[in-house]
Amino acid sequence: MEQWNDGIKSSNYSFKRAYERFLKIRGSPREIALGFALGLFIGMTPTIGFQIPIAIFVAALFKWNKISAALAVWITNPLTAPFIYSLSYFLGAKMLGFELAPKLLTGLDFSTVKEAGSKIFLATTVGGVVVGIPLALLGYYLAFSAVSGYQMKLKHRVAAKKEKIAKKIRRKNGKVSKKKKYRWQR
């Protein structure tokens, strides 16, 4: 049981670090959020194995943040892929009016498997688009608000630090000029 709790603490720590690193990506909040939304959308498509190159290429094409796009693609990982692709396939098959996969694979000759494979890919793609669009929109707004909030907080911290340094310099210069004035008067 203790190992389980250590694993949870470790994963929470890892998630927190990943989130903090995401906030520190350089770029405008809009570009970062657009890249993130793109990555989420591509993560829903059945292009596993090619998702990161696709996300980076499309992000570069539109001049969105490539790092956030590549990070968001990891929504599809070995733990989540079975759930994501099952949901995508189910939604796509229902929308397209296809039979579900086990019914398609009754005869195991090459043409049946080829036809079933293309239907499964098409259904998963359509379902991925249906799931990906709202997820990308939600991801955009969450990423935009998180990054812009972090950057605004950082700007205020930097401005406060600069003001503190400026006050120190003004105090120091004020004391020096009084001392010079005092010495000159002697």
N, C-alpha and C. Protein backbone atom coordinates (compact mmCIF):
# COMPACT_ATOMS: atom_id res chain seq x y z
N MET A 1 0.83 -1.19 0.00
CA MET A 1 0.00 0.00 0.00
C MET A 1 0.88 1.26 0.00
N GLU A 2 1.98 1.19 0.75
CA GLU A 2 2.87 2.34 0.81
C GLU A 2 3.50 2.63 -0.55
N GLN A 3 3.84 1.58 -1.29
CA GLN A 3 4.39 1.77 -2.63
C GLN A 3 3.38 2.45 -3.53
N TRP A 4 2.12 2.09 -3.39
CA TRP A 4 1.06 2.69 -4.20
C TRP A 4 0.98 4.20 -3.92
N ASN A 5 1.00 4.57 -2.63
CA ASN A 5 0.95 5.98 -2.27
C ASN A 5 2.18 6.72 -2.77
N ASP A 6 3.35 6.09 -2.69
CA ASP A 6 4.57 6.71 -3.22
C ASP A 6 4.45 6.93 -4.72
N GLY A 7 3.86 5.97 -5.42
CA GLY A 7 3.66 6.11 -6.86
C GLY A 7 2.72 7.25 -7.19
N ILE A 8 1.66 7.41 -6.41
CA ILE A 8 0.72 8.51 -6.62
C ILE A 8 1.40 9.84 -6.35
N LYS A 9 2.14 9.93 -5.24
CA LYS A 9 2.86 11.16 -4.93
C LYS A 9 3.85 11.50 -6.04
N SER A 10 4.54 10.48 -6.53
CA SER A 10 5.51 10.68 -7.60
C SER A 10 4.84 11.16 -8.88
N SER A 11 3.69 10.58 -9.21
CA SER A 11 3.00 11.00 -10.44
C SER A 11 2.43 12.41 -10.28
N ASN A 12 1.95 12.75 -9.08
CA ASN A 12 1.47 14.12 -8.85
C ASN A 12 2.62 15.11 -8.98
N TYR A 13 3.78 14.74 -8.45
CA TYR A 13 4.96 15.59 -8.56
C TYR A 13 5.36 15.76 -10.01
N SER A 14 5.34 14.65 -10.76
CA SER A 14 5.70 14.70 -12.18
C SER A 14 4.72 15.57 -12.95
N PHE A 15 3.43 15.43 -12.67
CA PHE A 15 2.43 16.25 -13.35
C PHE A 15 2.63 17.72 -13.02
N LYS A 16 2.90 18.02 -11.76
CA LYS A 16 3.12 19.41 -11.35
C LYS A 16 4.33 20.00 -12.06
N ARG A 17 5.43 19.22 -12.13
CA ARG A 17 6.63 19.70 -12.84
C ARG A 17 6.34 19.91 -14.31
N ALA A 18 5.62 18.99 -14.93
CA ALA A 18 5.28 19.13 -16.35
C ALA A 18 4.42 20.37 -16.57
N TYR A 19 3.48 20.61 -15.67
CA TYR A 19 2.63 21.79 -15.77
C TYR A 19 3.45 23.07 -15.63
N GLU A 20 4.35 23.09 -14.66
CA GLU A 20 5.20 24.27 -14.47
C GLU A 20 6.10 24.51 -15.68
N ARG A 21 6.62 23.45 -16.25
CA ARG A 21 7.44 23.60 -17.46
C ARG A 21 6.61 24.09 -18.63
N PHE A 22 5.37 23.60 -18.73
CA PHE A 22 4.48 24.06 -19.79
C PHE A 22 4.25 25.56 -19.68
N LEU A 23 4.03 26.04 -18.47
CA LEU A 23 3.79 27.47 -18.27
C LEU A 23 5.00 28.31 -18.66
N LYS A 24 6.20 27.72 -18.58
CA LYS A 24 7.42 28.47 -18.85
C LYS A 24 7.86 28.41 -20.31
N ILE A 25 7.05 27.81 -21.17
CA ILE A 25 7.38 27.78 -22.61
C ILE A 25 7.39 29.21 -23.11
N ARG A 26 8.37 29.53 -23.89
CA ARG A 26 8.47 30.90 -24.41
C ARG A 26 7.54 31.08 -25.59
N GLY A 27 6.95 32.26 -25.66
CA GLY A 27 6.05 32.59 -26.74
C GLY A 27 4.84 33.33 -26.19
N SER A 28 4.02 33.80 -27.10
CA SER A 28 2.81 34.49 -26.67
C SER A 28 1.80 33.45 -26.19
N PRO A 29 0.94 33.83 -25.26
CA PRO A 29 -0.08 32.88 -24.79
C PRO A 29 -0.94 32.34 -25.93
N ARG A 30 -1.22 33.17 -26.92
CA ARG A 30 -2.05 32.74 -28.05
C ARG A 30 -1.35 31.65 -28.85
N GLU A 31 -0.07 31.86 -29.18
CA GLU A 31 0.68 30.86 -29.96
C GLU A 31 0.83 29.55 -29.19
N ILE A 32 1.09 29.65 -27.90
CA ILE A 32 1.24 28.44 -27.07
C ILE A 32 -0.09 27.69 -26.99
N ALA A 33 -1.17 28.43 -26.76
CA ALA A 33 -2.49 27.80 -26.65
C ALA A 33 -2.93 27.19 -27.98
N LEU A 34 -2.63 27.86 -29.09
CA LEU A 34 -2.98 27.29 -30.40
C LEU A 34 -2.20 26.01 -30.66
N GLY A 35 -0.93 26.01 -30.33
CA GLY A 35 -0.12 24.80 -30.48
C GLY A 35 -0.65 23.68 -29.61
N PHE A 36 -1.03 24.00 -28.39
CA PHE A 36 -1.57 23.00 -27.47
C PHE A 36 -2.87 22.42 -28.01
N ALA A 37 -3.75 23.28 -28.49
CA ALA A 37 -5.03 22.82 -29.05
C ALA A 37 -4.80 21.93 -30.26
N LEU A 38 -3.86 22.32 -31.09
CA LEU A 38 -3.52 21.50 -32.26
C LEU A 38 -3.03 20.13 -31.84
N GLY A 39 -2.15 20.08 -30.85
CA GLY A 39 -1.63 18.81 -30.35
C GLY A 39 -2.73 17.92 -29.79
N LEU A 40 -3.66 18.52 -29.06
CA LEU A 40 -4.78 17.74 -28.53
C LEU A 40 -5.62 17.16 -29.67
N PHE A 41 -5.87 17.98 -30.67
CA PHE A 41 -6.67 17.52 -31.81
C PHE A 41 -5.98 16.37 -32.54
N ILE A 42 -4.71 16.55 -32.82
CA ILE A 42 -3.97 15.50 -33.54
C ILE A 42 -3.83 14.26 -32.66
N GLY A 43 -3.77 14.44 -31.36
CA GLY A 43 -3.72 13.30 -30.44
C GLY A 43 -4.97 12.43 -30.51
N MET A 44 -6.06 12.97 -30.98
CA MET A 44 -7.30 12.19 -31.10
C MET A 44 -7.39 11.43 -32.42
N THR A 45 -6.51 11.72 -33.34
CA THR A 45 -6.56 11.05 -34.64
C THR A 45 -5.81 9.72 -34.57
N PRO A 46 -6.17 8.77 -35.43
CA PRO A 46 -5.51 7.46 -35.39
C PRO A 46 -4.18 7.43 -36.14
N THR A 47 -3.36 8.40 -35.86
CA THR A 47 -2.05 8.48 -36.53
C THR A 47 -0.93 8.21 -35.55
N ILE A 48 -1.19 7.33 -34.60
CA ILE A 48 -0.22 7.04 -33.55
C ILE A 48 1.11 6.63 -34.18
N GLY A 49 2.17 7.18 -33.64
CA GLY A 49 3.50 6.93 -34.20
C GLY A 49 3.95 8.08 -35.09
N PHE A 50 3.00 8.82 -35.64
CA PHE A 50 3.31 9.95 -36.51
C PHE A 50 2.74 11.25 -35.96
N GLN A 51 2.13 11.20 -34.80
CA GLN A 51 1.43 12.36 -34.27
C GLN A 51 2.37 13.53 -33.97
N ILE A 52 3.50 13.27 -33.36
CA ILE A 52 4.41 14.36 -33.01
C ILE A 52 4.96 15.03 -34.27
N PRO A 53 5.46 14.29 -35.26
CA PRO A 53 5.92 14.98 -36.47
C PRO A 53 4.81 15.76 -37.17
N ILE A 54 3.60 15.20 -37.19
CA ILE A 54 2.47 15.91 -37.81
C ILE A 54 2.19 17.19 -37.04
N ALA A 55 2.15 17.11 -35.71
CA ALA A 55 1.85 18.28 -34.89
C ALA A 55 2.92 19.36 -35.06
N ILE A 56 4.18 18.96 -35.07
CA ILE A 56 5.26 19.95 -35.23
C ILE A 56 5.21 20.59 -36.61
N PHE A 57 4.96 19.79 -37.64
CA PHE A 57 4.89 20.31 -39.00
C PHE A 57 3.75 21.32 -39.14
N VAL A 58 2.56 20.94 -38.68
CA VAL A 58 1.40 21.83 -38.81
C VAL A 58 1.60 23.09 -37.96
N ALA A 59 2.14 22.94 -36.75
CA ALA A 59 2.39 24.11 -35.89
C ALA A 59 3.40 25.05 -36.55
N ALA A 60 4.43 24.49 -37.16
CA ALA A 60 5.41 25.33 -37.86
C ALA A 60 4.78 26.02 -39.05
N LEU A 61 3.90 25.32 -39.74
CA LEU A 61 3.22 25.88 -40.90
C LEU A 61 2.39 27.11 -40.53
N PHE A 62 1.69 27.02 -39.39
CA PHE A 62 0.84 28.13 -38.96
C PHE A 62 1.55 29.09 -38.00
N LYS A 63 2.82 28.83 -37.69
CA LYS A 63 3.62 29.64 -36.77
C LYS A 63 3.02 29.65 -35.36
N TRP A 64 2.56 28.46 -34.94
CA TRP A 64 2.11 28.26 -33.58
C TRP A 64 3.24 27.60 -32.81
N ASN A 65 3.09 27.45 -31.53
CA ASN A 65 4.16 26.90 -30.71
C ASN A 65 4.31 25.40 -30.94
N LYS A 66 5.48 25.02 -31.42
CA LYS A 66 5.75 23.61 -31.75
C LYS A 66 5.92 22.75 -30.50
N ILE A 67 6.51 23.31 -29.47
CA ILE A 67 6.74 22.55 -28.24
C ILE A 67 5.42 22.20 -27.57
N SER A 68 4.52 23.17 -27.46
CA SER A 68 3.24 22.87 -26.82
C SER A 68 2.41 21.91 -27.66
N ALA A 69 2.55 21.98 -28.99
CA ALA A 69 1.85 21.02 -29.86
C ALA A 69 2.36 19.61 -29.62
N ALA A 70 3.68 19.47 -29.54
CA ALA A 70 4.27 18.14 -29.33
C ALA A 70 3.92 17.60 -27.94
N LEU A 71 3.86 18.47 -26.95
CA LEU A 71 3.51 18.03 -25.59
C LEU A 71 2.06 17.57 -25.51
N ALA A 72 1.18 18.29 -26.16
CA ALA A 72 -0.25 17.97 -26.07
C ALA A 72 -0.59 16.66 -26.76
N VAL A 73 0.19 16.27 -27.76
CA VAL A 73 -0.03 15.01 -28.45
C VAL A 73 0.05 13.84 -27.47
N TRP A 74 0.80 14.02 -26.39
CA TRP A 74 0.98 12.95 -25.42
C TRP A 74 -0.28 12.64 -24.63
N ILE A 75 -1.39 13.30 -24.97
CA ILE A 75 -2.67 12.90 -24.38
C ILE A 75 -2.96 11.46 -24.78
N THR A 76 -2.45 11.09 -25.97
CA THR A 76 -2.54 9.70 -26.41
C THR A 76 -1.23 9.03 -26.03
N ASN A 77 -1.29 8.24 -24.98
CA ASN A 77 -0.11 7.52 -24.51
C ASN A 77 -0.53 6.08 -24.26
N PRO A 78 0.39 5.20 -23.90
CA PRO A 78 0.02 3.79 -23.73
C PRO A 78 -1.12 3.55 -22.73
N LEU A 79 -1.29 4.44 -21.76
CA LEU A 79 -2.36 4.26 -20.80
C LEU A 79 -3.72 4.75 -21.31
N THR A 80 -3.71 5.82 -22.10
CA THR A 80 -4.97 6.42 -22.54
C THR A 80 -5.42 5.97 -23.93
N ALA A 81 -4.49 5.49 -24.75
CA ALA A 81 -4.82 5.14 -26.15
C ALA A 81 -5.98 4.14 -26.27
N PRO A 82 -6.03 3.08 -25.48
CA PRO A 82 -7.16 2.16 -25.64
C PRO A 82 -8.52 2.83 -25.41
N PHE A 83 -8.59 3.74 -24.44
CA PHE A 83 -9.83 4.42 -24.16
C PHE A 83 -10.17 5.44 -25.25
N ILE A 84 -9.17 6.21 -25.66
CA ILE A 84 -9.39 7.23 -26.68
C ILE A 84 -9.82 6.60 -27.99
N TYR A 85 -9.10 5.59 -28.44
CA TYR A 85 -9.42 4.99 -29.73
C TYR A 85 -10.70 4.17 -29.70
N SER A 86 -11.02 3.59 -28.55
CA SER A 86 -12.29 2.87 -28.44
C SER A 86 -13.45 3.85 -28.55
N LEU A 87 -13.35 4.96 -27.83
CA LEU A 87 -14.41 5.98 -27.90
C LEU A 87 -14.50 6.56 -29.31
N SER A 88 -13.36 6.88 -29.90
CA SER A 88 -13.35 7.45 -31.26
C SER A 88 -13.96 6.48 -32.26
N TYR A 89 -13.58 5.22 -32.16
CA TYR A 89 -14.11 4.22 -33.08
C TYR A 89 -15.61 4.06 -32.89
N PHE A 90 -16.05 3.96 -31.66
CA PHE A 90 -17.47 3.77 -31.38
C PHE A 90 -18.29 4.93 -31.92
N LEU A 91 -17.87 6.17 -31.64
CA LEU A 91 -18.60 7.35 -32.13
C LEU A 91 -18.59 7.41 -33.66
N GLY A 92 -17.42 7.18 -34.26
CA GLY A 92 -17.31 7.23 -35.72
C GLY A 92 -18.15 6.15 -36.39
N ALA A 93 -18.13 4.95 -35.85
CA ALA A 93 -18.91 3.85 -36.43
C ALA A 93 -20.40 4.15 -36.34
N LYS A 94 -20.84 4.69 -35.21
CA LYS A 94 -22.25 5.05 -35.06
C LYS A 94 -22.64 6.16 -36.03
N MET A 95 -21.79 7.14 -36.18
CA MET A 95 -22.10 8.26 -37.08
C MET A 95 -22.14 7.81 -38.54
N LEU A 96 -21.24 6.91 -38.91
CA LEU A 96 -21.17 6.45 -40.29
C LEU A 96 -22.10 5.26 -40.57
N GLY A 97 -22.71 4.73 -39.54
CA GLY A 97 -23.62 3.60 -39.71
C GLY A 97 -22.91 2.29 -39.99
N PHE A 98 -21.66 2.16 -39.54
CA PHE A 98 -20.90 0.92 -39.73
C PHE A 98 -21.25 -0.09 -38.66
N GLU A 99 -21.04 -1.36 -38.99
CA GLU A 99 -21.13 -2.41 -37.98
C GLU A 99 -19.90 -2.25 -37.08
N LEU A 100 -20.01 -2.75 -35.88
CA LEU A 100 -18.85 -2.70 -34.99
C LEU A 100 -17.84 -3.75 -35.42
N ALA A 101 -16.58 -3.55 -35.11
CA ALA A 101 -15.45 -4.34 -35.62
C ALA A 101 -15.59 -5.85 -35.49
N PRO A 102 -15.98 -6.40 -34.35
CA PRO A 102 -16.06 -7.87 -34.27
C PRO A 102 -17.00 -8.47 -35.31
N LYS A 103 -18.08 -7.78 -35.65
CA LYS A 103 -19.02 -8.26 -36.66
C LYS A 103 -18.41 -8.17 -38.05
N LEU A 104 -17.52 -7.19 -38.26
CA LEU A 104 -16.89 -7.03 -39.57
C LEU A 104 -15.91 -8.16 -39.87
N LEU A 105 -15.26 -8.69 -38.84
CA LEU A 105 -14.19 -9.66 -39.03
C LEU A 105 -14.69 -11.10 -38.96
N THR A 106 -15.79 -11.39 -39.64
CA THR A 106 -16.31 -12.76 -39.61
C THR A 106 -15.47 -13.70 -40.47
N GLY A 107 -15.15 -13.32 -41.68
CA GLY A 107 -14.28 -14.14 -42.53
C GLY A 107 -12.89 -13.55 -42.49
N LEU A 108 -11.88 -14.36 -42.38
CA LEU A 108 -10.53 -13.84 -42.22
C LEU A 108 -9.71 -13.93 -43.50
N ASP A 109 -10.30 -13.64 -44.63
CA ASP A 109 -9.49 -13.55 -45.85
C ASP A 109 -8.98 -12.13 -45.98
N PHE A 110 -8.01 -11.92 -46.83
CA PHE A 110 -7.33 -10.63 -46.93
C PHE A 110 -8.28 -9.49 -47.30
N SER A 111 -9.18 -9.71 -48.23
CA SER A 111 -10.07 -8.63 -48.66
C SER A 111 -11.02 -8.21 -47.54
N THR A 112 -11.47 -9.16 -46.73
CA THR A 112 -12.36 -8.82 -45.61
C THR A 112 -11.60 -8.01 -44.57
N VAL A 113 -10.39 -8.43 -44.25
CA VAL A 113 -9.57 -7.71 -43.27
C VAL A 113 -9.22 -6.32 -43.80
N LYS A 114 -8.91 -6.22 -45.09
CA LYS A 114 -8.58 -4.93 -45.69
C LYS A 114 -9.77 -3.99 -45.64
N GLU A 115 -10.94 -4.50 -45.99
CA GLU A 115 -12.15 -3.68 -45.96
C GLU A 115 -12.48 -3.26 -44.52
N ALA A 116 -12.37 -4.22 -43.60
CA ALA A 116 -12.65 -3.91 -42.19
C ALA A 116 -11.64 -2.91 -41.66
N GLY A 117 -10.38 -3.08 -42.02
CA GLY A 117 -9.35 -2.15 -41.56
C GLY A 117 -9.59 -0.73 -42.05
N SER A 118 -9.99 -0.58 -43.30
CA SER A 118 -10.26 0.77 -43.82
C SER A 118 -11.49 1.37 -43.15
N LYS A 119 -12.50 0.53 -42.85
CA LYS A 119 -13.69 1.03 -42.15
C LYS A 119 -13.34 1.42 -40.71
N ILE A 120 -12.52 0.62 -40.08
CA ILE A 120 -12.10 0.93 -38.71
C ILE A 120 -11.30 2.23 -38.69
N PHE A 121 -10.38 2.40 -39.63
CA PHE A 121 -9.58 3.63 -39.70
C PHE A 121 -10.47 4.84 -39.96
N LEU A 122 -11.41 4.70 -40.90
CA LEU A 122 -12.32 5.80 -41.22
C LEU A 122 -13.19 6.15 -40.01
N ALA A 123 -13.74 5.13 -39.36
CA ALA A 123 -14.59 5.37 -38.19
C ALA A 123 -13.79 6.01 -37.06
N THR A 124 -12.57 5.55 -36.84
CA THR A 124 -11.74 6.13 -35.78
C THR A 124 -11.34 7.56 -36.12
N THR A 125 -11.10 7.84 -37.39
CA THR A 125 -10.77 9.20 -37.80
C THR A 125 -11.96 10.14 -37.59
N VAL A 126 -13.14 9.73 -38.03
CA VAL A 126 -14.34 10.57 -37.87
C VAL A 126 -14.62 10.77 -36.38
N GLY A 127 -14.57 9.69 -35.61
CA GLY A 127 -14.78 9.82 -34.17
C GLY A 127 -13.73 10.68 -33.50
N GLY A 128 -12.49 10.57 -33.97
CA GLY A 128 -11.41 11.39 -33.43
C GLY A 128 -11.62 12.87 -33.70
N VAL A 129 -12.14 13.19 -34.87
CA VAL A 129 -12.44 14.59 -35.19
C VAL A 129 -13.58 15.09 -34.31
N VAL A 130 -14.60 14.24 -34.13
CA VAL A 130 -15.75 14.63 -33.29
C VAL A 130 -15.32 14.87 -31.85
N VAL A 131 -14.44 14.05 -31.34
CA VAL A 131 -13.94 14.22 -29.97
C VAL A 131 -12.88 15.31 -29.93
N GLY A 132 -12.06 15.40 -30.97
CA GLY A 132 -10.93 16.31 -30.99
C GLY A 132 -11.28 17.78 -31.06
N ILE A 133 -12.33 18.13 -31.78
CA ILE A 133 -12.69 19.56 -31.91
C ILE A 133 -13.09 20.17 -30.57
N PRO A 134 -14.05 19.60 -29.84
CA PRO A 134 -14.36 20.22 -28.54
C PRO A 134 -13.20 20.16 -27.55
N LEU A 135 -12.43 19.07 -27.60
CA LEU A 135 -11.27 18.95 -26.71
C LEU A 135 -10.24 20.02 -27.03
N ALA A 136 -10.01 20.27 -28.31
CA ALA A 136 -9.05 21.31 -28.72
C ALA A 136 -9.53 22.70 -28.29
N LEU A 137 -10.82 22.96 -28.44
CA LEU A 137 -11.35 24.26 -28.02
C LEU A 137 -11.21 24.44 -26.51
N LEU A 138 -11.55 23.43 -25.76
CA LEU A 138 -11.40 23.49 -24.31
C LEU A 138 -9.92 23.64 -23.94
N GLY A 139 -9.07 22.86 -24.59
CA GLY A 139 -7.64 22.93 -24.32
C GLY A 139 -7.06 24.30 -24.64
N TYR A 140 -7.54 24.91 -25.72
CA TYR A 140 -7.07 26.25 -26.08
C TYR A 140 -7.36 27.24 -24.95
N TYR A 141 -8.60 27.26 -24.50
CA TYR A 141 -8.97 28.24 -23.47
C TYR A 141 -8.29 27.96 -22.14
N LEU A 142 -8.13 26.70 -21.78
CA LEU A 142 -7.43 26.38 -20.54
C LEU A 142 -5.95 26.76 -20.63
N ALA A 143 -5.32 26.42 -21.75
CA ALA A 143 -3.89 26.74 -21.93
C ALA A 143 -3.69 28.25 -22.00
N PHE A 144 -4.56 28.94 -22.73
CA PHE A 144 -4.43 30.38 -22.86
C PHE A 144 -4.55 31.06 -21.50
N SER A 145 -5.56 30.67 -20.72
CA SER A 145 -5.72 31.33 -19.42
C SER A 145 -4.58 30.97 -18.47
N ALA A 146 -4.10 29.73 -18.50
CA ALA A 146 -3.00 29.34 -17.62
C ALA A 146 -1.71 30.08 -17.99
N VAL A 147 -1.37 30.11 -19.26
CA VAL A 147 -0.12 30.75 -19.70
C VAL A 147 -0.20 32.26 -19.54
N SER A 148 -1.32 32.87 -19.94
CA SER A 148 -1.40 34.33 -19.80
C SER A 148 -1.41 34.74 -18.33
N GLY A 149 -2.06 33.95 -17.48
CA GLY A 149 -2.04 34.25 -16.04
C GLY A 149 -0.63 34.14 -15.48
N TYR A 150 0.09 33.10 -15.87
CA TYR A 150 1.46 32.93 -15.40
C TYR A 150 2.35 34.07 -15.90
N GLN A 151 2.22 34.40 -17.18
CA GLN A 151 3.07 35.46 -17.73
C GLN A 151 2.74 36.82 -17.12
N MET A 152 1.46 37.07 -16.82
CA MET A 152 1.07 38.33 -16.18
C MET A 152 1.65 38.39 -14.76
N LYS A 153 1.57 37.29 -14.04
CA LYS A 153 2.12 37.22 -12.69
C LYS A 153 3.63 37.46 -12.73
N LEU A 154 4.29 36.86 -13.72
CA LEU A 154 5.72 37.03 -13.87
C LEU A 154 6.07 38.49 -14.19
N LYS A 155 5.30 39.13 -15.04
CA LYS A 155 5.54 40.54 -15.36
C LYS A 155 5.41 41.42 -14.12
N HIS A 156 4.39 41.14 -13.29
CA HIS A 156 4.21 41.91 -12.07
C HIS A 156 5.37 41.70 -11.10
N ARG A 157 5.85 40.45 -11.01
CA ARG A 157 7.00 40.17 -10.14
C ARG A 157 8.24 40.91 -10.62
N VAL A 158 8.48 40.87 -11.92
CA VAL A 158 9.65 41.56 -12.49
C VAL A 158 9.52 43.06 -12.29
N ALA A 159 8.33 43.62 -12.51
CA ALA A 159 8.12 45.05 -12.33
C ALA A 159 8.34 45.44 -10.86
N ALA A 160 7.86 44.62 -9.93
CA ALA A 160 8.04 44.91 -8.51
C ALA A 160 9.52 44.85 -8.14
N LYS A 161 10.23 43.87 -8.70
CA LYS A 161 11.66 43.77 -8.42
C LYS A 161 12.41 44.98 -8.97
N LYS A 162 12.07 45.39 -10.19
CA LYS A 162 12.71 46.56 -10.79
C LYS A 162 12.43 47.81 -9.96
N GLU A 163 11.21 47.95 -9.48
CA GLU A 163 10.86 49.11 -8.67
C GLU A 163 11.63 49.10 -7.35
N LYS A 164 11.78 47.93 -6.78
CA LYS A 164 12.54 47.81 -5.53
C LYS A 164 14.00 48.21 -5.75
N ILE A 165 14.59 47.75 -6.85
CA ILE A 165 15.97 48.10 -7.18
C ILE A 165 16.09 49.59 -7.45
N ALA A 166 15.10 50.14 -8.17
CA ALA A 166 15.12 51.58 -8.47
C ALA A 166 15.03 52.40 -7.19
N LYS A 167 14.21 51.98 -6.23
CA LYS A 167 14.10 52.70 -4.95
C LYS A 167 15.43 52.67 -4.20
N LYS A 168 16.09 51.49 -4.21
CA LYS A 168 17.40 51.39 -3.56
C LYS A 168 18.39 52.35 -4.19
N ILE A 169 18.39 52.40 -5.51
CA ILE A 169 19.32 53.28 -6.23
C ILE A 169 19.00 54.74 -5.92
N ARG A 170 17.69 55.08 -5.91
CA ARG A 170 17.30 56.47 -5.61
C ARG A 170 17.71 56.85 -4.19
N ARG A 171 17.50 55.92 -3.24
CA ARG A 171 17.91 56.20 -1.86
C ARG A 171 19.41 56.39 -1.77
N LYS A 172 20.14 55.51 -2.44
CA LYS A 172 21.59 55.57 -2.40
C LYS A 172 22.07 56.87 -3.04
N ASN A 173 21.52 57.21 -4.20
CA ASN A 173 21.92 58.45 -4.88
C ASN A 173 21.50 59.67 -4.08
N GLY A 174 20.36 59.60 -3.43
CA GLY A 174 19.91 60.72 -2.60
C GLY A 174 20.84 60.95 -1.44
N LYS A 175 21.28 59.91 -0.76
CA LYS A 175 22.19 60.02 0.37
C LYS A 175 23.54 60.54 -0.08
N VAL A 176 24.01 60.05 -1.24
CA VAL A 176 25.30 60.49 -1.75
C VAL A 176 25.25 61.96 -2.08
N SER A 177 24.18 62.40 -2.73
CA SER A 177 24.11 63.81 -3.11
C SER A 177 24.00 64.69 -1.87
N LYS A 178 23.31 64.24 -0.81
CA LYS A 178 23.22 65.04 0.41
C LYS A 178 24.59 65.15 1.06
N LYS A 179 25.32 64.03 1.05
CA LYS A 179 26.65 64.06 1.64
C LYS A 179 27.55 65.00 0.85
N LYS A 180 27.47 64.94 -0.48
CA LYS A 180 28.29 65.85 -1.29
C LYS A 180 27.90 67.29 -1.04
N LYS A 181 26.60 67.51 -0.95
CA LYS A 181 26.14 68.86 -0.70
C LYS A 181 26.62 69.32 0.67
N TYR A 182 26.55 68.50 1.64
CA TYR A 182 26.97 68.82 2.98
C TYR A 182 28.48 69.12 3.01
N ARG A 183 29.27 68.30 2.33
CA ARG A 183 30.71 68.52 2.30
C ARG A 183 31.07 69.80 1.54
N TRP A 184 30.35 70.07 0.53
CA TRP A 184 30.63 71.26 -0.28
C TRP A 184 30.36 72.52 0.50
N GLN A 185 29.35 72.46 1.35
CA GLN A 185 29.01 73.63 2.13
C GLN A 185 30.08 73.95 3.17
N ARG A 186 30.88 73.01 3.57
CA ARG A 186 31.92 73.28 4.57
C ARG A 186 32.95 74.15 4.04
